Amino acid sequence: MEAVGFLCLGAAVLAWGFLWVWDSWERMKSQEPAGVPGGGSRTLLVIAHPDDEAMFFAPTVLGLARLRHRLSLLCFSAGNYYNQGEMRKKELLQSCDVLGIPPSSIMIIDNRDFPDDPGVQWDTERVASVLLQHIEASGINLVVTFDAGGVSGHRNHVALYAAVRTLHSEGKLPKGCSVLTLRSVNVFRKYISLLDLPFALLHTRDVLFVLTSKEVAQAKRAMSCHRSQLLWFRRLYVLFSRYMRINSLHFL
């Protein structure tokens, strides 16, 4: 009888937890994220390599599309670490087409200042200068990029955060331009897919984007455009990573 009681209690707790997550998610879907500029805003996604937009930011890209943002993308390298730069540029354009970002809104920087190399630390001031020029020229209202952890810890990812943090802290961003950074999580949470949703709801965040099943399929199609990168471990990543379904972001 005691065992039955524990089982009933466990079932009740699980049911309550499921209902809490469902209720929180339904309420969140019906609200626009606080602090995010409204429809028609010019948003710039800043990434380090072709495939970052699909591997890490697909929920944000598709979530902002729901909010009718005009999204553009700035990629700081061609991803030429294995001499595949030209191929990866084409793959990025194909992926962005799936995600709804037109070619006219995509800028790929391909020069020696920003090599695709986890062993090279990009110059913060140089990155910040290029980024600021792009923000000002395009009249950007919202910048989205990595946080200090860079999701994977890649130095090139972290360099983007350092640059935008510098612009923000020194007051160089145009008036009305906000910055959202993608929250890095621990390895356990990173690879439990949608099961991370309760953790995402419980932890402090400013903005949370969660994809529908239809949007998840769209994100996977975008990632499949990066054929040169689809090694076995990245295929597992697509299946299990929470970043293919969930993005938690913070304002600077």
C-alpha atoms as a PDB file:
ATOM      1  CA  MET A   1       0.000   0.000   0.000  1.00  0.00           C
ATOM      2  CA  GLU A   2       2.839   2.353   0.828  1.00  0.00           C
ATOM      3  CA  ALA A   3       4.381   1.778  -2.611  1.00  0.00           C
ATOM      4  CA  VAL A   4       1.044   2.493  -4.272  1.00  0.00           C
ATOM      5  CA  GLY A   5       0.798   5.716  -2.307  1.00  0.00           C
ATOM      6  CA  PHE A   6       4.227   6.843  -3.481  1.00  0.00           C
ATOM      7  CA  LEU A   7       3.331   5.993  -7.080  1.00  0.00           C
ATOM      8  CA  CYS A   8       0.126   8.012  -6.851  1.00  0.00           C
ATOM      9  CA  LEU A   9       2.008  10.928  -5.324  1.00  0.00           C
ATOM     10  CA  GLY A  10       4.638  10.746  -8.052  1.00  0.00           C
ATOM     11  CA  ALA A  11       1.972  10.650 -10.755  1.00  0.00           C
ATOM     12  CA  ALA A  12       0.242  13.653  -9.203  1.00  0.00           C
ATOM     13  CA  VAL A  13       3.490  15.632  -9.087  1.00  0.00           C
ATOM     14  CA  LEU A  14       4.264  14.784 -12.715  1.00  0.00           C
ATOM     15  CA  ALA A  15       0.750  15.734 -13.784  1.00  0.00           C
ATOM     16  CA  TRP A  16       0.996  19.026 -11.902  1.00  0.00           C
ATOM     17  CA  GLY A  17       4.384  19.714 -13.460  1.00  0.00           C
ATOM     18  CA  PHE A  18       3.083  19.010 -16.948  1.00  0.00           C
ATOM     19  CA  LEU A  19       0.068  21.266 -16.438  1.00  0.00           C
ATOM     20  CA  TRP A  20       2.276  24.040 -15.041  1.00  0.00           C
ATOM     21  CA  VAL A  21       4.611  23.888 -18.035  1.00  0.00           C
ATOM     22  CA  TRP A  22       1.676  23.766 -20.448  1.00  0.00           C
ATOM     23  CA  ASP A  23      -0.077  26.704 -18.766  1.00  0.00           C
ATOM     24  CA  SER A  24       3.137  28.756 -18.671  1.00  0.00           C
ATOM     25  CA  TRP A  25       3.809  28.020 -22.323  1.00  0.00           C
ATOM     26  CA  GLU A  26       0.266  28.905 -23.405  1.00  0.00           C
ATOM     27  CA  ARG A  27       0.393  32.206 -21.501  1.00  0.00           C
ATOM     28  CA  MET A  28       3.799  32.993 -22.948  1.00  0.00           C
ATOM     29  CA  LYS A  29       2.624  32.320 -26.521  1.00  0.00           C
ATOM     30  CA  SER A  30      -0.208  34.810 -26.121  1.00  0.00           C
ATOM     31  CA  GLN A  31       2.155  37.613 -25.062  1.00  0.00           C
ATOM     32  CA  GLU A  32       4.714  39.568 -27.024  1.00  0.00           C
ATOM     33  CA  PRO A  33       8.140  39.428 -25.315  1.00  0.00           C
ATOM     34  CA  ALA A  34       8.583  42.474 -23.097  1.00  0.00           C
ATOM     35  CA  GLY A  35      11.228  44.892 -24.298  1.00  0.00           C
ATOM     36  CA  VAL A  36      11.456  43.484 -27.824  1.00  0.00           C
ATOM     37  CA  PRO A  37      10.782  46.157 -30.472  1.00  0.00           C
ATOM     38  CA  GLY A  38       7.485  45.801 -32.287  1.00  0.00           C
ATOM     39  CA  GLY A  39       6.635  44.629 -35.777  1.00  0.00           C
ATOM     40  CA  GLY A  40       8.570  46.238 -38.604  1.00  0.00           C
ATOM     41  CA  SER A  41      11.688  46.679 -36.476  1.00  0.00           C
ATOM     42  CA  ARG A  42      15.059  46.184 -38.137  1.00  0.00           C
ATOM     43  CA  THR A  43      16.862  43.332 -36.404  1.00  0.00           C
ATOM     44  CA  LEU A  44      20.430  42.225 -37.076  1.00  0.00           C
ATOM     45  CA  LEU A  45      21.551  38.676 -36.317  1.00  0.00           C
ATOM     46  CA  VAL A  46      25.334  38.626 -35.854  1.00  0.00           C
ATOM     47  CA  ILE A  47      27.029  35.241 -36.263  1.00  0.00           C
ATOM     48  CA  ALA A  48      30.586  33.991 -36.638  1.00  0.00           C
ATOM     49  CA  HIS A  49      30.200  31.168 -39.167  1.00  0.00           C
ATOM     50  CA  PRO A  50      27.786  29.854 -41.775  1.00  0.00           C
ATOM     51  CA  ASP A  51      25.496  27.360 -39.951  1.00  0.00           C
ATOM     52  CA  ASP A  52      25.373  29.372 -36.682  1.00  0.00           C
ATOM     53  CA  GLU A  53      22.038  30.805 -37.816  1.00  0.00           C
ATOM     54  CA  ALA A  54      20.475  27.326 -38.006  1.00  0.00           C
ATOM     55  CA  MET A  55      22.413  25.447 -35.307  1.00  0.00           C
ATOM     56  CA  PHE A  56      21.904  28.032 -32.586  1.00  0.00           C
ATOM     57  CA  PHE A  57      19.530  30.826 -33.577  1.00  0.00           C
ATOM     58  CA  ALA A  58      16.702  29.209 -35.567  1.00  0.00           C
ATOM     59  CA  PRO A  59      14.150  29.650 -32.732  1.00  0.00           C
ATOM     60  CA  THR A  60      15.046  33.343 -32.508  1.00  0.00           C
ATOM     61  CA  VAL A  61      14.925  33.881 -36.273  1.00  0.00           C
ATOM     62  CA  LEU A  62      11.543  32.195 -36.613  1.00  0.00           C
ATOM     63  CA  GLY A  63      10.251  33.764 -33.403  1.00  0.00           C
ATOM     64  CA  LEU A  64      11.125  37.245 -34.626  1.00  0.00           C
ATOM     65  CA  ALA A  65       9.485  36.426 -37.950  1.00  0.00           C
ATOM     66  CA  ARG A  66       6.272  35.782 -35.996  1.00  0.00           C
ATOM     67  CA  LEU A  67       6.667  39.285 -34.568  1.00  0.00           C
ATOM     68  CA  ARG A  68       7.062  40.633 -38.136  1.00  0.00           C
ATOM     69  CA  HIS A  69      10.621  41.864 -37.682  1.00  0.00           C
ATOM     70  CA  ARG A  70      12.689  42.728 -40.737  1.00  0.00           C
ATOM     71  CA  LEU A  71      15.673  40.499 -40.145  1.00  0.00           C
ATOM     72  CA  SER A  72      19.129  40.844 -41.650  1.00  0.00           C
ATOM     73  CA  LEU A  73      22.238  38.771 -41.013  1.00  0.00           C
ATOM     74  CA  LEU A  74      25.901  39.654 -40.616  1.00  0.00           C
ATOM     75  CA  CYS A  75      28.316  36.713 -40.734  1.00  0.00           C
ATOM     76  CA  PHE A  76      31.898  37.524 -39.725  1.00  0.00           C
ATOM     77  CA  SER A  77      33.586  34.694 -41.628  1.00  0.00           C
ATOM     78  CA  ALA A  78      33.060  32.400 -44.588  1.00  0.00           C
ATOM     79  CA  GLY A  79      33.779  29.322 -42.477  1.00  0.00           C
ATOM     80  CA  ASN A  80      36.967  28.565 -44.361  1.00  0.00           C
ATOM     81  CA  TYR A  81      38.745  26.530 -41.666  1.00  0.00           C
ATOM     82  CA  TYR A  82      38.774  23.446 -43.925  1.00  0.00           C
ATOM     83  CA  ASN A  83      39.028  25.461 -47.165  1.00  0.00           C
ATOM     84  CA  GLN A  84      35.291  25.163 -47.782  1.00  0.00           C
ATOM     85  CA  GLY A  85      34.538  28.876 -47.693  1.00  0.00           C
ATOM     86  CA  GLU A  86      32.895  29.228 -51.096  1.00  0.00           C
ATOM     87  CA  MET A  87      30.705  26.195 -50.531  1.00  0.00           C
ATOM     88  CA  ARG A  88      29.702  27.371 -47.079  1.00  0.00           C
ATOM     89  CA  LYS A  89      28.705  30.807 -48.362  1.00  0.00           C
ATOM     90  CA  LYS A  90      26.255  29.146 -50.749  1.00  0.00           C
ATOM     91  CA  GLU A  91      24.965  26.899 -47.977  1.00  0.00           C
ATOM     92  CA  LEU A  92      24.349  29.927 -45.772  1.00  0.00           C
ATOM     93  CA  LEU A  93      22.278  31.607 -48.478  1.00  0.00           C
ATOM     94  CA  GLN A  94      20.244  28.421 -48.935  1.00  0.00           C
ATOM     95  CA  SER A  95      19.678  28.065 -45.195  1.00  0.00           C
ATOM     96  CA  CYS A  96      18.620  31.691 -44.849  1.00  0.00           C
ATOM     97  CA  ASP A  97      16.180  31.238 -47.712  1.00  0.00           C
ATOM     98  CA  VAL A  98      14.519  28.442 -45.722  1.00  0.00           C
ATOM     99  CA  LEU A  99      14.446  30.663 -42.627  1.00  0.00           C
ATOM    100  CA  GLY A 100      12.990  33.596 -44.546  1.00  0.00           C
ATOM    101  CA  ILE A 101      16.023  35.897 -44.747  1.00  0.00           C
ATOM    102  CA  PRO A 102      16.480  37.203 -48.325  1.00  0.00           C
ATOM    103  CA  PRO A 103      19.937  37.341 -49.968  1.00  0.00           C
ATOM    104  CA  SER A 104      19.767  41.144 -50.061  1.00  0.00           C
ATOM    105  CA  SER A 105      19.721  41.140 -46.245  1.00  0.00           C
ATOM    106  CA  ILE A 106      22.812  38.949 -45.822  1.00  0.00           C
ATOM    107  CA  MET A 107      26.372  40.199 -45.456  1.00  0.00           C
ATOM    108  CA  ILE A 108      29.272  37.728 -45.301  1.00  0.00           C
ATOM    109  CA  ILE A 109      32.666  39.105 -44.294  1.00  0.00           C
ATOM    110  CA  ASP A 110      35.529  37.155 -45.822  1.00  0.00           C
ATOM    111  CA  ASN A 111      38.920  38.604 -44.945  1.00  0.00           C
ATOM    112  CA  ARG A 112      42.032  37.823 -42.940  1.00  0.00           C
ATOM    113  CA  ASP A 113      40.980  39.929 -39.968  1.00  0.00           C
ATOM    114  CA  PHE A 114      38.379  37.345 -38.957  1.00  0.00           C
ATOM    115  CA  PRO A 115      39.604  33.832 -39.773  1.00  0.00           C
ATOM    116  CA  ASP A 116      37.405  30.851 -38.973  1.00  0.00           C
ATOM    117  CA  ASP A 117      39.725  29.415 -36.354  1.00  0.00           C
ATOM    118  CA  PRO A 118      38.951  28.460 -32.738  1.00  0.00           C
ATOM    119  CA  GLY A 119      42.597  29.110 -31.924  1.00  0.00           C
ATOM    120  CA  VAL A 120      42.527  32.752 -33.041  1.00  0.00           C
ATOM    121  CA  GLN A 121      41.207  35.590 -30.888  1.00  0.00           C
ATOM    122  CA  TRP A 122      39.569  38.221 -33.083  1.00  0.00           C
ATOM    123  CA  ASP A 123      40.436  41.805 -32.238  1.00  0.00           C
ATOM    124  CA  THR A 124      37.538  43.220 -30.216  1.00  0.00           C
ATOM    125  CA  GLU A 125      37.943  46.801 -31.415  1.00  0.00           C
ATOM    126  CA  ARG A 126      38.090  45.712 -35.048  1.00  0.00           C
ATOM    127  CA  VAL A 127      34.964  43.566 -34.719  1.00  0.00           C
ATOM    128  CA  ALA A 128      33.175  46.377 -32.888  1.00  0.00           C
ATOM    129  CA  SER A 129      34.088  48.898 -35.588  1.00  0.00           C
ATOM    130  CA  VAL A 130      32.772  46.736 -38.425  1.00  0.00           C
ATOM    131  CA  LEU A 131      29.638  45.876 -36.463  1.00  0.00           C
ATOM    132  CA  LEU A 132      28.882  49.496 -35.604  1.00  0.00           C
ATOM    133  CA  GLN A 133      29.246  50.556 -39.238  1.00  0.00           C
ATOM    134  CA  HIS A 134      26.713  47.928 -40.250  1.00  0.00           C
ATOM    135  CA  ILE A 135      24.283  48.860 -37.463  1.00  0.00           C
ATOM    136  CA  GLU A 136      24.377  52.543 -38.372  1.00  0.00           C
ATOM    137  CA  ALA A 137      24.167  51.986 -42.127  1.00  0.00           C
ATOM    138  CA  SER A 138      21.138  49.709 -41.801  1.00  0.00           C
ATOM    139  CA  GLY A 139      19.276  51.621 -39.080  1.00  0.00           C
ATOM    140  CA  ILE A 140      19.196  48.596 -36.786  1.00  0.00           C
ATOM    141  CA  ASN A 141      16.845  48.600 -33.766  1.00  0.00           C
ATOM    142  CA  LEU A 142      17.839  45.239 -32.282  1.00  0.00           C
ATOM    143  CA  VAL A 143      21.089  43.247 -32.380  1.00  0.00           C
ATOM    144  CA  VAL A 144      21.057  39.516 -31.591  1.00  0.00           C
ATOM    145  CA  THR A 145      24.242  37.533 -30.990  1.00  0.00           C
ATOM    146  CA  PHE A 146      26.005  35.109 -28.617  1.00  0.00           C
ATOM    147  CA  ASP A 147      26.547  35.638 -24.898  1.00  0.00           C
ATOM    148  CA  ALA A 148      29.878  35.440 -23.063  1.00  0.00           C
ATOM    149  CA  GLY A 149      29.813  31.636 -23.217  1.00  0.00           C
ATOM    150  CA  GLY A 150      29.301  31.546 -26.964  1.00  0.00           C
ATOM    151  CA  VAL A 151      27.013  28.469 -26.541  1.00  0.00           C
ATOM    152  CA  SER A 152      29.897  26.166 -27.469  1.00  0.00           C
ATOM    153  CA  GLY A 153      32.738  28.254 -26.070  1.00  0.00           C
ATOM    154  CA  HIS A 154      34.132  28.902 -29.557  1.00  0.00           C
ATOM    155  CA  ARG A 155      36.482  31.900 -29.447  1.00  0.00           C
ATOM    156  CA  ASN A 156      34.947  33.423 -32.563  1.00  0.00           C
ATOM    157  CA  HIS A 157      31.487  33.333 -30.948  1.00  0.00           C
ATOM    158  CA  VAL A 158      32.813  34.911 -27.764  1.00  0.00           C
ATOM    159  CA  ALA A 159      34.554  37.634 -29.794  1.00  0.00           C
ATOM    160  CA  LEU A 160      31.197  38.801 -31.138  1.00  0.00           C
ATOM    161  CA  TYR A 161      29.829  39.131 -27.620  1.00  0.00           C
ATOM    162  CA  ALA A 162      32.934  41.033 -26.506  1.00  0.00           C
ATOM    163  CA  ALA A 163      32.518  43.483 -29.380  1.00  0.00           C
ATOM    164  CA  VAL A 164      28.828  44.184 -28.855  1.00  0.00           C
ATOM    165  CA  ARG A 165      29.390  44.406 -25.109  1.00  0.00           C
ATOM    166  CA  THR A 166      32.068  47.031 -25.730  1.00  0.00           C
ATOM    167  CA  LEU A 167      29.767  49.067 -27.962  1.00  0.00           C
ATOM    168  CA  HIS A 168      26.992  48.846 -25.388  1.00  0.00           C
ATOM    169  CA  SER A 169      29.098  49.685 -22.335  1.00  0.00           C
ATOM    170  CA  GLU A 170      30.790  52.616 -24.077  1.00  0.00           C
ATOM    171  CA  GLY A 171      27.450  54.033 -25.228  1.00  0.00           C
ATOM    172  CA  LYS A 172      28.363  53.833 -28.912  1.00  0.00           C
ATOM    173  CA  LEU A 173      25.209  52.078 -30.093  1.00  0.00           C
ATOM    174  CA  PRO A 174      22.639  54.332 -31.776  1.00  0.00           C
ATOM    175  CA  LYS A 175      19.814  55.576 -29.586  1.00  0.00           C
ATOM    176  CA  GLY A 176      17.032  53.012 -29.381  1.00  0.00           C
ATOM    177  CA  CYS A 177      19.220  50.082 -30.439  1.00  0.00           C
ATOM    178  CA  SER A 178      18.909  47.127 -28.044  1.00  0.00           C
ATOM    179  CA  VAL A 179      21.029  43.984 -27.744  1.00  0.00           C
ATOM    180  CA  LEU A 180      19.842  40.441 -27.059  1.00  0.00           C
ATOM    181  CA  THR A 181      22.337  37.683 -26.278  1.00  0.00           C
ATOM    182  CA  LEU A 182      21.680  33.958 -26.567  1.00  0.00           C
ATOM    183  CA  ARG A 183      22.003  32.216 -23.216  1.00  0.00           C
ATOM    184  CA  SER A 184      24.581  29.425 -22.974  1.00  0.00           C
ATOM    185  CA  VAL A 185      23.494  26.424 -20.898  1.00  0.00           C
ATOM    186  CA  ASN A 186      25.313  23.433 -19.428  1.00  0.00           C
ATOM    187  CA  VAL A 187      25.923  20.269 -21.441  1.00  0.00           C
ATOM    188  CA  PHE A 188      23.076  18.356 -19.795  1.00  0.00           C
ATOM    189  CA  ARG A 189      20.491  20.991 -20.684  1.00  0.00           C
ATOM    190  CA  LYS A 190      22.001  21.525 -24.111  1.00  0.00           C
ATOM    191  CA  TYR A 191      21.167  18.000 -25.255  1.00  0.00           C
ATOM    192  CA  ILE A 192      17.740  17.237 -23.804  1.00  0.00           C
ATOM    193  CA  SER A 193      15.800  18.946 -26.584  1.00  0.00           C
ATOM    194  CA  LEU A 194      12.266  19.992 -25.610  1.00  0.00           C
ATOM    195  CA  LEU A 195      12.708  18.483 -22.140  1.00  0.00           C
ATOM    196  CA  ASP A 196      14.665  21.631 -21.354  1.00  0.00           C
ATOM    197  CA  LEU A 197      11.487  23.715 -21.527  1.00  0.00           C
ATOM    198  CA  PRO A 198      10.719  23.467 -17.766  1.00  0.00           C
ATOM    199  CA  PHE A 199      14.278  24.597 -16.976  1.00  0.00           C
ATOM    200  CA  ALA A 200      13.970  27.430 -19.502  1.00  0.00           C
ATOM    201  CA  LEU A 201      10.713  28.573 -17.912  1.00  0.00           C
ATOM    202  CA  LEU A 202      12.137  28.413 -14.385  1.00  0.00           C
ATOM    203  CA  HIS A 203      15.423  30.190 -15.086  1.00  0.00           C
ATOM    204  CA  THR A 204      15.663  33.956 -15.397  1.00  0.00           C
ATOM    205  CA  ARG A 205      15.496  35.190 -18.976  1.00  0.00           C
ATOM    206  CA  ASP A 206      14.214  38.260 -20.800  1.00  0.00           C
ATOM    207  CA  VAL A 207      12.971  36.557 -23.953  1.00  0.00           C
ATOM    208  CA  LEU A 208      12.086  32.941 -24.671  1.00  0.00           C
ATOM    209  CA  PHE A 209      11.363  31.540 -28.119  1.00  0.00           C
ATOM    210  CA  VAL A 210      10.045  27.981 -28.479  1.00  0.00           C
ATOM    211  CA  LEU A 211       9.335  26.486 -31.878  1.00  0.00           C
ATOM    212  CA  THR A 212       6.203  24.647 -32.912  1.00  0.00           C
ATOM    213  CA  SER A 213       6.615  21.212 -34.503  1.00  0.00           C
ATOM    214  CA  LYS A 214       6.154  22.813 -37.933  1.00  0.00           C
ATOM    215  CA  GLU A 215       8.854  25.373 -37.181  1.00  0.00           C
ATOM    216  CA  VAL A 216      11.201  22.668 -35.875  1.00  0.00           C
ATOM    217  CA  ALA A 217      10.894  20.942 -39.247  1.00  0.00           C
ATOM    218  CA  GLN A 218      11.708  24.272 -40.902  1.00  0.00           C
ATOM    219  CA  ALA A 219      14.788  24.715 -38.689  1.00  0.00           C
ATOM    220  CA  LYS A 220      15.952  21.202 -39.560  1.00  0.00           C
ATOM    221  CA  ARG A 221      15.525  21.926 -43.275  1.00  0.00           C
ATOM    222  CA  ALA A 222      17.665  25.024 -42.826  1.00  0.00           C
ATOM    223  CA  MET A 223      20.370  23.019 -41.084  1.00  0.00           C
ATOM    224  CA  SER A 224      20.236  20.347 -43.793  1.00  0.00           C
ATOM    225  CA  CYS A 225      21.340  23.017 -46.284  1.00  0.00           C
ATOM    226  CA  HIS A 226      24.767  22.941 -44.611  1.00  0.00           C
ATOM    227  CA  ARG A 227      25.670  19.644 -46.260  1.00  0.00           C
ATOM    228  CA  SER A 228      29.407  20.147 -45.820  1.00  0.00           C
ATOM    229  CA  GLN A 229      28.927  20.284 -42.046  1.00  0.00           C
ATOM    230  CA  LEU A 230      26.543  17.376 -41.532  1.00  0.00           C
ATOM    231  CA  LEU A 231      28.969  14.937 -39.961  1.00  0.00           C
ATOM    232  CA  TRP A 232      27.527  12.226 -37.713  1.00  0.00           C
ATOM    233  CA  PHE A 233      27.874  14.227 -34.493  1.00  0.00           C
ATOM    234  CA  ARG A 234      26.083  17.227 -35.983  1.00  0.00           C
ATOM    235  CA  ARG A 235      23.230  14.977 -37.079  1.00  0.00           C
ATOM    236  CA  LEU A 236      22.929  13.920 -33.441  1.00  0.00           C
ATOM    237  CA  TYR A 237      23.064  17.592 -32.474  1.00  0.00           C
ATOM    238  CA  VAL A 238      20.104  18.351 -34.741  1.00  0.00           C
ATOM    239  CA  LEU A 239      18.116  15.572 -33.078  1.00  0.00           C
ATOM    240  CA  PHE A 240      18.905  16.346 -29.454  1.00  0.00           C
ATOM    241  CA  SER A 241      20.002  19.962 -29.038  1.00  0.00           C
ATOM    242  CA  ARG A 242      17.626  22.316 -27.264  1.00  0.00           C
ATOM    243  CA  TYR A 243      18.928  25.093 -29.542  1.00  0.00           C
ATOM    244  CA  MET A 244      17.022  23.536 -32.437  1.00  0.00           C
ATOM    245  CA  ARG A 245      13.816  24.177 -30.467  1.00  0.00           C
ATOM    246  CA  ILE A 246      14.415  26.662 -27.649  1.00  0.00           C
ATOM    247  CA  ASN A 247      16.268  29.968 -27.337  1.00  0.00           C
ATOM    248  CA  SER A 248      16.539  31.856 -24.046  1.00  0.00           C
ATOM    249  CA  LEU A 249      17.903  35.373 -24.445  1.00  0.00           C
ATOM    250  CA  HIS A 250      18.967  38.259 -22.222  1.00  0.00           C
ATOM    251  CA  PHE A 251      19.158  41.988 -22.849  1.00  0.00           C
ATOM    252  CA  LEU A 252      22.444  43.754 -22.222  1.00  0.00           C
END
